[in-house]
């Protein structure tokens, strides 16, 4: 379980996905662990520019363990990491897939806000302001 976390934290998202998938069988006995594995897979896919695969895994995570422990904050962190170009290698990988990092970060942040709306029926004014600024700066 810790291997996937370690790889995620150093930006080795493909390896994080691999080890999270390996952990799924082990985690099936505990809904919190299982949910966490799917969330980690989803977040790794987000970092790799695979938005649809990310959404599928994050929705699976939420469906398994829907007790208010939602991944929106972590999704926003991914968006801001990309937006602020904190990892040049990650930015290069996104560009190699013909993904504009700035515009992609907006899509990721929008996804987090949509989850807020879907599950909590609101978004914070601060988040709307951040999203507006991101959109304006990505033009």
N, C-alpha and C. Protein backbone atom coordinates (compact mmCIF):
# COMPACT_ATOMS: atom_id res chain seq x y z
N UNK A 1 0.82 -1.19 0.00
CA UNK A 1 0.00 0.00 0.00
C UNK A 1 0.87 1.26 0.00
N UNK A 2 1.94 1.23 0.74
CA UNK A 2 2.77 2.42 0.85
C UNK A 2 3.56 2.70 -0.41
N UNK A 3 3.85 1.66 -1.19
CA UNK A 3 4.58 1.88 -2.44
C UNK A 3 3.83 2.84 -3.36
N UNK A 4 2.53 2.63 -3.49
CA UNK A 4 1.75 3.51 -4.37
C UNK A 4 1.79 4.95 -3.86
N UNK A 5 1.70 5.13 -2.55
CA UNK A 5 1.76 6.48 -1.97
C UNK A 5 3.12 7.12 -2.22
N UNK A 6 4.16 6.34 -2.05
CA UNK A 6 5.51 6.87 -2.27
C UNK A 6 5.69 7.29 -3.72
N UNK A 7 5.27 6.43 -4.64
CA UNK A 7 5.42 6.77 -6.05
C UNK A 7 4.57 7.99 -6.42
N UNK A 8 3.38 8.09 -5.87
CA UNK A 8 2.54 9.26 -6.14
C UNK A 8 3.25 10.53 -5.68
N UNK A 9 3.80 10.48 -4.47
CA UNK A 9 4.43 11.66 -3.89
C UNK A 9 5.68 12.13 -4.62
N UNK A 10 6.32 11.25 -5.37
CA UNK A 10 7.50 11.67 -6.14
C UNK A 10 7.17 11.88 -7.61
N UNK A 11 5.88 11.81 -7.94
CA UNK A 11 5.45 12.11 -9.31
C UNK A 11 5.58 10.96 -10.28
N UNK A 12 5.75 9.74 -9.79
CA UNK A 12 5.80 8.55 -10.64
C UNK A 12 4.38 7.96 -10.71
N UNK A 13 3.51 8.64 -11.44
CA UNK A 13 2.09 8.33 -11.40
C UNK A 13 1.75 6.98 -12.04
N UNK A 14 2.48 6.57 -13.07
CA UNK A 14 2.24 5.26 -13.67
C UNK A 14 2.51 4.14 -12.65
N UNK A 15 3.59 4.29 -11.91
CA UNK A 15 3.92 3.30 -10.89
C UNK A 15 2.93 3.36 -9.73
N UNK A 16 2.46 4.54 -9.40
CA UNK A 16 1.45 4.67 -8.35
C UNK A 16 0.18 3.93 -8.75
N UNK A 17 -0.21 4.04 -10.01
CA UNK A 17 -1.40 3.32 -10.49
C UNK A 17 -1.16 1.82 -10.40
N UNK A 18 -0.01 1.37 -10.88
CA UNK A 18 0.32 -0.05 -10.86
C UNK A 18 0.18 -0.62 -9.45
N UNK A 19 0.81 0.03 -8.47
CA UNK A 19 0.80 -0.50 -7.11
C UNK A 19 -0.55 -0.33 -6.44
N UNK A 20 -1.29 0.71 -6.78
CA UNK A 20 -2.65 0.85 -6.23
C UNK A 20 -3.54 -0.27 -6.74
N UNK A 21 -3.40 -0.61 -8.01
CA UNK A 21 -4.20 -1.71 -8.57
C UNK A 21 -3.82 -3.04 -7.91
N UNK A 22 -2.55 -3.22 -7.63
CA UNK A 22 -2.10 -4.44 -6.93
C UNK A 22 -2.73 -4.53 -5.55
N UNK A 23 -2.95 -3.39 -4.91
CA UNK A 23 -3.49 -3.35 -3.55
C UNK A 23 -5.00 -3.55 -3.49
N UNK A 24 -5.69 -3.47 -4.62
CA UNK A 24 -7.15 -3.55 -4.59
C UNK A 24 -7.63 -4.87 -3.99
N UNK A 25 -7.03 -5.99 -4.36
CA UNK A 25 -7.45 -7.28 -3.79
C UNK A 25 -7.25 -7.30 -2.28
N UNK A 26 -6.13 -6.77 -1.82
CA UNK A 26 -5.85 -6.72 -0.39
C UNK A 26 -6.85 -5.82 0.34
N UNK A 27 -7.22 -4.73 -0.30
CA UNK A 27 -8.05 -3.71 0.35
C UNK A 27 -9.55 -4.05 0.33
N UNK A 28 -9.95 -5.07 -0.40
CA UNK A 28 -11.38 -5.38 -0.52
C UNK A 28 -12.07 -5.63 0.81
N UNK A 29 -11.34 -6.05 1.80
CA UNK A 29 -11.92 -6.33 3.12
C UNK A 29 -12.24 -5.06 3.90
N UNK A 30 -11.74 -3.92 3.46
CA UNK A 30 -11.93 -2.68 4.19
C UNK A 30 -12.36 -1.59 3.21
N UNK A 31 -13.58 -1.10 3.35
CA UNK A 31 -14.11 -0.13 2.38
C UNK A 31 -13.30 1.18 2.37
N UNK A 32 -12.75 1.56 3.51
CA UNK A 32 -11.96 2.79 3.54
C UNK A 32 -10.68 2.61 2.72
N UNK A 33 -10.00 1.50 2.91
CA UNK A 33 -8.78 1.23 2.13
C UNK A 33 -9.10 1.08 0.64
N UNK A 34 -10.16 0.35 0.34
CA UNK A 34 -10.52 0.14 -1.06
C UNK A 34 -10.87 1.46 -1.73
N UNK A 35 -11.63 2.27 -1.06
CA UNK A 35 -11.98 3.59 -1.58
C UNK A 35 -10.72 4.42 -1.82
N UNK A 36 -9.79 4.35 -0.88
CA UNK A 36 -8.54 5.09 -1.00
C UNK A 36 -7.71 4.65 -2.19
N UNK A 37 -7.71 3.36 -2.48
CA UNK A 37 -6.95 2.86 -3.63
C UNK A 37 -7.53 3.43 -4.93
N UNK A 38 -8.86 3.41 -5.06
CA UNK A 38 -9.48 3.95 -6.26
C UNK A 38 -9.28 5.47 -6.36
N UNK A 39 -9.32 6.15 -5.23
CA UNK A 39 -9.07 7.59 -5.23
C UNK A 39 -7.64 7.87 -5.70
N UNK A 40 -6.68 7.10 -5.19
CA UNK A 40 -5.29 7.29 -5.59
C UNK A 40 -5.08 7.01 -7.08
N UNK A 41 -5.75 5.99 -7.59
CA UNK A 41 -5.67 5.70 -9.02
C UNK A 41 -6.24 6.87 -9.81
N UNK A 42 -7.38 7.37 -9.37
CA UNK A 42 -8.00 8.51 -10.04
C UNK A 42 -7.12 9.74 -10.03
N UNK A 43 -6.53 10.04 -8.88
CA UNK A 43 -5.66 11.21 -8.79
C UNK A 43 -4.42 11.04 -9.66
N UNK A 44 -3.90 9.83 -9.74
CA UNK A 44 -2.74 9.59 -10.61
C UNK A 44 -3.12 9.81 -12.07
N UNK A 45 -4.29 9.31 -12.47
CA UNK A 45 -4.74 9.54 -13.84
C UNK A 45 -4.94 11.04 -14.10
N UNK A 46 -5.44 11.77 -13.11
CA UNK A 46 -5.57 13.22 -13.28
C UNK A 46 -4.22 13.84 -13.59
N UNK A 47 -3.23 13.47 -12.83
CA UNK A 47 -1.89 14.01 -13.03
C UNK A 47 -1.31 13.65 -14.39
N UNK A 48 -1.76 12.54 -14.96
CA UNK A 48 -1.25 12.09 -16.25
C UNK A 48 -2.05 12.65 -17.43
N UNK A 49 -3.08 13.44 -17.14
CA UNK A 49 -3.88 14.02 -18.21
C UNK A 49 -4.98 13.11 -18.71
N UNK A 50 -5.29 12.08 -17.97
CA UNK A 50 -6.32 11.11 -18.35
C UNK A 50 -7.60 11.39 -17.55
N UNK A 51 -8.28 12.46 -17.91
CA UNK A 51 -9.41 12.96 -17.12
C UNK A 51 -10.55 11.94 -17.02
N UNK A 52 -10.92 11.30 -18.11
CA UNK A 52 -12.06 10.37 -18.05
C UNK A 52 -11.75 9.15 -17.19
N UNK A 53 -10.55 8.60 -17.31
CA UNK A 53 -10.17 7.48 -16.46
C UNK A 53 -10.11 7.92 -15.00
N UNK A 54 -9.68 9.13 -14.78
CA UNK A 54 -9.64 9.67 -13.41
C UNK A 54 -11.04 9.74 -12.84
N UNK A 55 -11.96 10.29 -13.61
CA UNK A 55 -13.34 10.43 -13.14
C UNK A 55 -13.95 9.07 -12.79
N UNK A 56 -13.72 8.08 -13.63
CA UNK A 56 -14.26 6.74 -13.38
C UNK A 56 -13.77 6.20 -12.05
N UNK A 57 -12.48 6.32 -11.79
CA UNK A 57 -11.92 5.79 -10.54
C UNK A 57 -12.34 6.62 -9.34
N UNK A 58 -12.43 7.91 -9.48
CA UNK A 58 -12.85 8.75 -8.35
C UNK A 58 -14.32 8.48 -8.03
N UNK A 59 -15.16 8.32 -9.04
CA UNK A 59 -16.57 7.99 -8.79
C UNK A 59 -16.69 6.63 -8.10
N UNK A 60 -15.86 5.68 -8.51
CA UNK A 60 -15.86 4.37 -7.85
C UNK A 60 -15.48 4.54 -6.38
N UNK A 61 -14.48 5.34 -6.11
CA UNK A 61 -14.05 5.60 -4.75
C UNK A 61 -15.19 6.19 -3.92
N UNK A 62 -15.84 7.18 -4.47
CA UNK A 62 -16.95 7.84 -3.75
C UNK A 62 -18.09 6.85 -3.51
N UNK A 63 -18.38 6.02 -4.50
CA UNK A 63 -19.45 5.04 -4.37
C UNK A 63 -19.18 3.99 -3.30
N UNK A 64 -17.92 3.64 -3.12
CA UNK A 64 -17.55 2.63 -2.13
C UNK A 64 -17.67 3.17 -0.72
N UNK A 65 -17.22 4.39 -0.53
CA UNK A 65 -17.13 4.92 0.84
C UNK A 65 -17.61 6.36 0.86
N UNK A 66 -18.89 6.53 0.76
CA UNK A 66 -19.48 7.86 0.68
C UNK A 66 -19.92 8.32 2.07
N UNK A 67 -18.96 8.79 2.85
CA UNK A 67 -19.28 9.25 4.21
C UNK A 67 -18.82 10.68 4.47
N UNK A 68 -18.68 11.45 3.41
CA UNK A 68 -18.21 12.81 3.58
C UNK A 68 -16.72 12.94 3.37
N UNK A 69 -16.02 11.82 3.24
CA UNK A 69 -14.58 11.84 2.98
C UNK A 69 -14.36 11.95 1.47
N UNK A 70 -14.65 13.12 0.94
CA UNK A 70 -14.62 13.32 -0.49
C UNK A 70 -13.27 13.84 -0.94
N UNK A 71 -12.89 13.52 -2.17
CA UNK A 71 -11.55 13.87 -2.66
C UNK A 71 -11.42 15.26 -3.28
N UNK A 72 -12.41 16.12 -3.12
CA UNK A 72 -12.39 17.41 -3.82
C UNK A 72 -11.14 18.23 -3.53
N UNK A 73 -10.72 18.27 -2.29
CA UNK A 73 -9.54 19.06 -1.93
C UNK A 73 -8.30 18.52 -2.64
N UNK A 74 -8.17 17.21 -2.68
CA UNK A 74 -7.01 16.61 -3.35
C UNK A 74 -7.06 16.87 -4.86
N UNK A 75 -8.25 16.88 -5.43
CA UNK A 75 -8.40 17.18 -6.86
C UNK A 75 -8.00 18.62 -7.12
N UNK A 76 -8.41 19.52 -6.26
CA UNK A 76 -8.02 20.93 -6.40
C UNK A 76 -6.50 21.08 -6.29
N UNK A 77 -5.89 20.31 -5.40
CA UNK A 77 -4.43 20.35 -5.26
C UNK A 77 -3.74 19.91 -6.56
N UNK A 78 -4.28 18.88 -7.21
CA UNK A 78 -3.73 18.44 -8.49
C UNK A 78 -3.83 19.57 -9.51
N UNK A 79 -5.01 20.19 -9.56
CA UNK A 79 -5.23 21.29 -10.51
C UNK A 79 -4.22 22.42 -10.27
N UNK A 80 -4.03 22.79 -9.03
CA UNK A 80 -3.12 23.90 -8.72
C UNK A 80 -1.66 23.51 -8.96
N UNK A 81 -1.33 22.27 -8.73
CA UNK A 81 0.03 21.80 -9.01
C UNK A 81 0.35 21.94 -10.50
N UNK A 82 -0.61 21.55 -11.33
CA UNK A 82 -0.42 21.68 -12.78
C UNK A 82 -0.43 23.14 -13.18
N UNK A 83 -1.40 23.88 -12.68
CA UNK A 83 -1.54 25.29 -13.02
C UNK A 83 -0.28 26.09 -12.69
N UNK A 84 0.30 25.82 -11.53
CA UNK A 84 1.49 26.53 -11.07
C UNK A 84 2.79 25.92 -11.60
N UNK A 85 2.68 24.90 -12.42
CA UNK A 85 3.83 24.24 -13.06
C UNK A 85 4.89 23.83 -12.05
N UNK A 86 4.44 23.19 -10.97
CA UNK A 86 5.36 22.79 -9.90
C UNK A 86 6.30 21.66 -10.30
N UNK A 87 5.88 20.86 -11.29
CA UNK A 87 6.69 19.72 -11.70
C UNK A 87 6.95 19.81 -13.20
N UNK A 88 8.12 20.30 -13.60
CA UNK A 88 8.42 20.47 -15.03
C UNK A 88 8.28 19.17 -15.84
N UNK A 89 8.64 18.03 -15.23
CA UNK A 89 8.50 16.76 -15.94
C UNK A 89 7.03 16.45 -16.22
N UNK A 90 6.18 16.72 -15.25
CA UNK A 90 4.75 16.50 -15.44
C UNK A 90 4.21 17.39 -16.56
N UNK A 91 4.63 18.64 -16.57
CA UNK A 91 4.19 19.58 -17.61
C UNK A 91 4.65 19.08 -18.98
N UNK A 92 5.87 18.57 -19.06
CA UNK A 92 6.39 18.03 -20.32
C UNK A 92 5.57 16.84 -20.78
N UNK A 93 5.20 15.97 -19.83
CA UNK A 93 4.39 14.79 -20.18
C UNK A 93 3.03 15.20 -20.72
N UNK A 94 2.41 16.20 -20.09
CA UNK A 94 1.12 16.67 -20.57
C UNK A 94 1.25 17.25 -21.97
N UNK A 95 2.27 18.06 -22.17
CA UNK A 95 2.48 18.67 -23.49
C UNK A 95 2.76 17.61 -24.54
N UNK A 96 3.46 16.54 -24.18
CA UNK A 96 3.74 15.47 -25.14
C UNK A 96 2.47 14.76 -25.59
N UNK A 97 1.42 14.87 -24.79
CA UNK A 97 0.11 14.31 -25.14
C UNK A 97 -0.79 15.36 -25.79
N UNK A 98 -0.19 16.50 -26.17
CA UNK A 98 -0.93 17.62 -26.75
C UNK A 98 -2.01 18.16 -25.81
N UNK A 99 -1.69 18.17 -24.53
CA UNK A 99 -2.58 18.73 -23.52
C UNK A 99 -1.97 20.03 -23.04
N UNK A 100 -2.72 21.12 -23.18
CA UNK A 100 -2.26 22.40 -22.66
C UNK A 100 -2.42 22.36 -21.13
N UNK A 101 -1.30 22.42 -20.39
CA UNK A 101 -1.39 22.30 -18.93
C UNK A 101 -2.31 23.31 -18.26
N UNK A 102 -2.28 24.55 -18.72
CA UNK A 102 -3.10 25.57 -18.08
C UNK A 102 -4.59 25.26 -18.27
N UNK A 103 -4.99 25.00 -19.49
CA UNK A 103 -6.40 24.69 -19.75
C UNK A 103 -6.82 23.39 -19.07
N UNK A 104 -5.92 22.43 -19.03
CA UNK A 104 -6.23 21.17 -18.36
C UNK A 104 -6.43 21.40 -16.87
N UNK A 105 -5.60 22.26 -16.27
CA UNK A 105 -5.76 22.53 -14.84
C UNK A 105 -7.13 23.14 -14.55
N UNK A 106 -7.63 23.95 -15.48
CA UNK A 106 -8.98 24.52 -15.33
C UNK A 106 -10.02 23.40 -15.35
N UNK A 107 -9.89 22.46 -16.28
CA UNK A 107 -10.83 21.34 -16.35
C UNK A 107 -10.83 20.51 -15.06
N UNK A 108 -9.65 20.30 -14.52
CA UNK A 108 -9.54 19.53 -13.29
C UNK A 108 -10.19 20.28 -12.13
N UNK A 109 -9.94 21.57 -12.05
CA UNK A 109 -10.54 22.38 -10.97
C UNK A 109 -12.07 22.42 -11.13
N UNK A 110 -12.53 22.55 -12.36
CA UNK A 110 -13.98 22.52 -12.62
C UNK A 110 -14.59 21.20 -12.17
N UNK A 111 -13.87 20.12 -12.40
CA UNK A 111 -14.36 18.81 -11.97
C UNK A 111 -14.51 18.77 -10.44
N UNK A 112 -13.54 19.29 -9.73
CA UNK A 112 -13.64 19.32 -8.27
C UNK A 112 -14.85 20.14 -7.81
N UNK A 113 -15.07 21.27 -8.46
CA UNK A 113 -16.22 22.11 -8.08
C UNK A 113 -17.53 21.44 -8.44
N UNK A 114 -17.55 20.70 -9.54
CA UNK A 114 -18.77 19.97 -9.90
C UNK A 114 -19.08 18.90 -8.86
N UNK A 115 -18.05 18.23 -8.35
CA UNK A 115 -18.28 17.26 -7.28
C UNK A 115 -18.81 17.94 -6.03
N UNK A 116 -18.27 19.12 -5.71
CA UNK A 116 -18.81 19.90 -4.58
C UNK A 116 -20.30 20.15 -4.77
N UNK A 117 -20.67 20.59 -5.96
CA UNK A 117 -22.08 20.88 -6.24
C UNK A 117 -22.93 19.62 -6.17
N UNK A 118 -22.42 18.52 -6.73
CA UNK A 118 -23.18 17.27 -6.76
C UNK A 118 -23.41 16.70 -5.37
N UNK A 119 -22.41 16.77 -4.50
CA UNK A 119 -22.50 16.11 -3.21
C UNK A 119 -22.85 17.03 -2.05
N UNK A 120 -22.53 18.31 -2.17
CA UNK A 120 -22.80 19.23 -1.08
C UNK A 120 -23.75 20.36 -1.47
N UNK A 121 -24.15 20.41 -2.73
CA UNK A 121 -25.06 21.41 -3.27
C UNK A 121 -24.58 22.85 -3.13
N UNK A 122 -23.28 23.05 -3.08
CA UNK A 122 -22.74 24.41 -3.07
C UNK A 122 -21.26 24.38 -3.41
N UNK A 123 -20.76 25.54 -3.76
CA UNK A 123 -19.31 25.74 -3.88
C UNK A 123 -18.97 27.00 -3.10
N UNK A 124 -17.77 27.05 -2.63
CA UNK A 124 -17.34 28.21 -1.87
C UNK A 124 -17.05 29.38 -2.82
N UNK A 125 -17.40 30.59 -2.41
CA UNK A 125 -17.10 31.76 -3.26
C UNK A 125 -15.61 31.85 -3.61
N UNK A 126 -14.75 31.48 -2.68
CA UNK A 126 -13.31 31.50 -2.94
C UNK A 126 -12.97 30.60 -4.14
N UNK A 127 -13.57 29.42 -4.18
CA UNK A 127 -13.31 28.49 -5.28
C UNK A 127 -13.76 29.06 -6.61
N UNK A 128 -14.88 29.73 -6.61
CA UNK A 128 -15.37 30.35 -7.85
C UNK A 128 -14.40 31.45 -8.31
N UNK A 129 -13.86 32.19 -7.36
CA UNK A 129 -12.90 33.25 -7.69
C UNK A 129 -11.61 32.64 -8.23
N UNK A 130 -11.13 31.59 -7.61
CA UNK A 130 -9.92 30.92 -8.08
C UNK A 130 -10.13 30.42 -9.50
N UNK A 131 -11.27 29.79 -9.76
CA UNK A 131 -11.56 29.27 -11.09
C UNK A 131 -11.64 30.39 -12.12
N UNK A 132 -12.26 31.47 -11.76
CA UNK A 132 -12.36 32.62 -12.67
C UNK A 132 -10.96 33.15 -13.02
N UNK A 133 -10.11 33.28 -12.02
CA UNK A 133 -8.74 33.76 -12.26
C UNK A 133 -7.94 32.78 -13.12
N UNK A 134 -8.13 31.50 -12.87
CA UNK A 134 -7.43 30.50 -13.68
C UNK A 134 -7.86 30.61 -15.14
N UNK A 135 -9.15 30.71 -15.36
CA UNK A 135 -9.66 30.83 -16.74
C UNK A 135 -9.09 32.06 -17.44
N UNK A 136 -9.09 33.18 -16.73
CA UNK A 136 -8.58 34.42 -17.33
C UNK A 136 -7.09 34.33 -17.65
N UNK A 137 -6.33 33.69 -16.79
CA UNK A 137 -4.88 33.59 -16.99
C UNK A 137 -4.49 32.55 -18.03
N UNK A 138 -5.41 31.68 -18.39
CA UNK A 138 -5.10 30.63 -19.36
C UNK A 138 -5.42 31.07 -20.80
N UNK A 139 -5.95 32.23 -20.97
CA UNK A 139 -6.30 32.68 -22.33
C UNK A 139 -5.10 33.01 -23.13
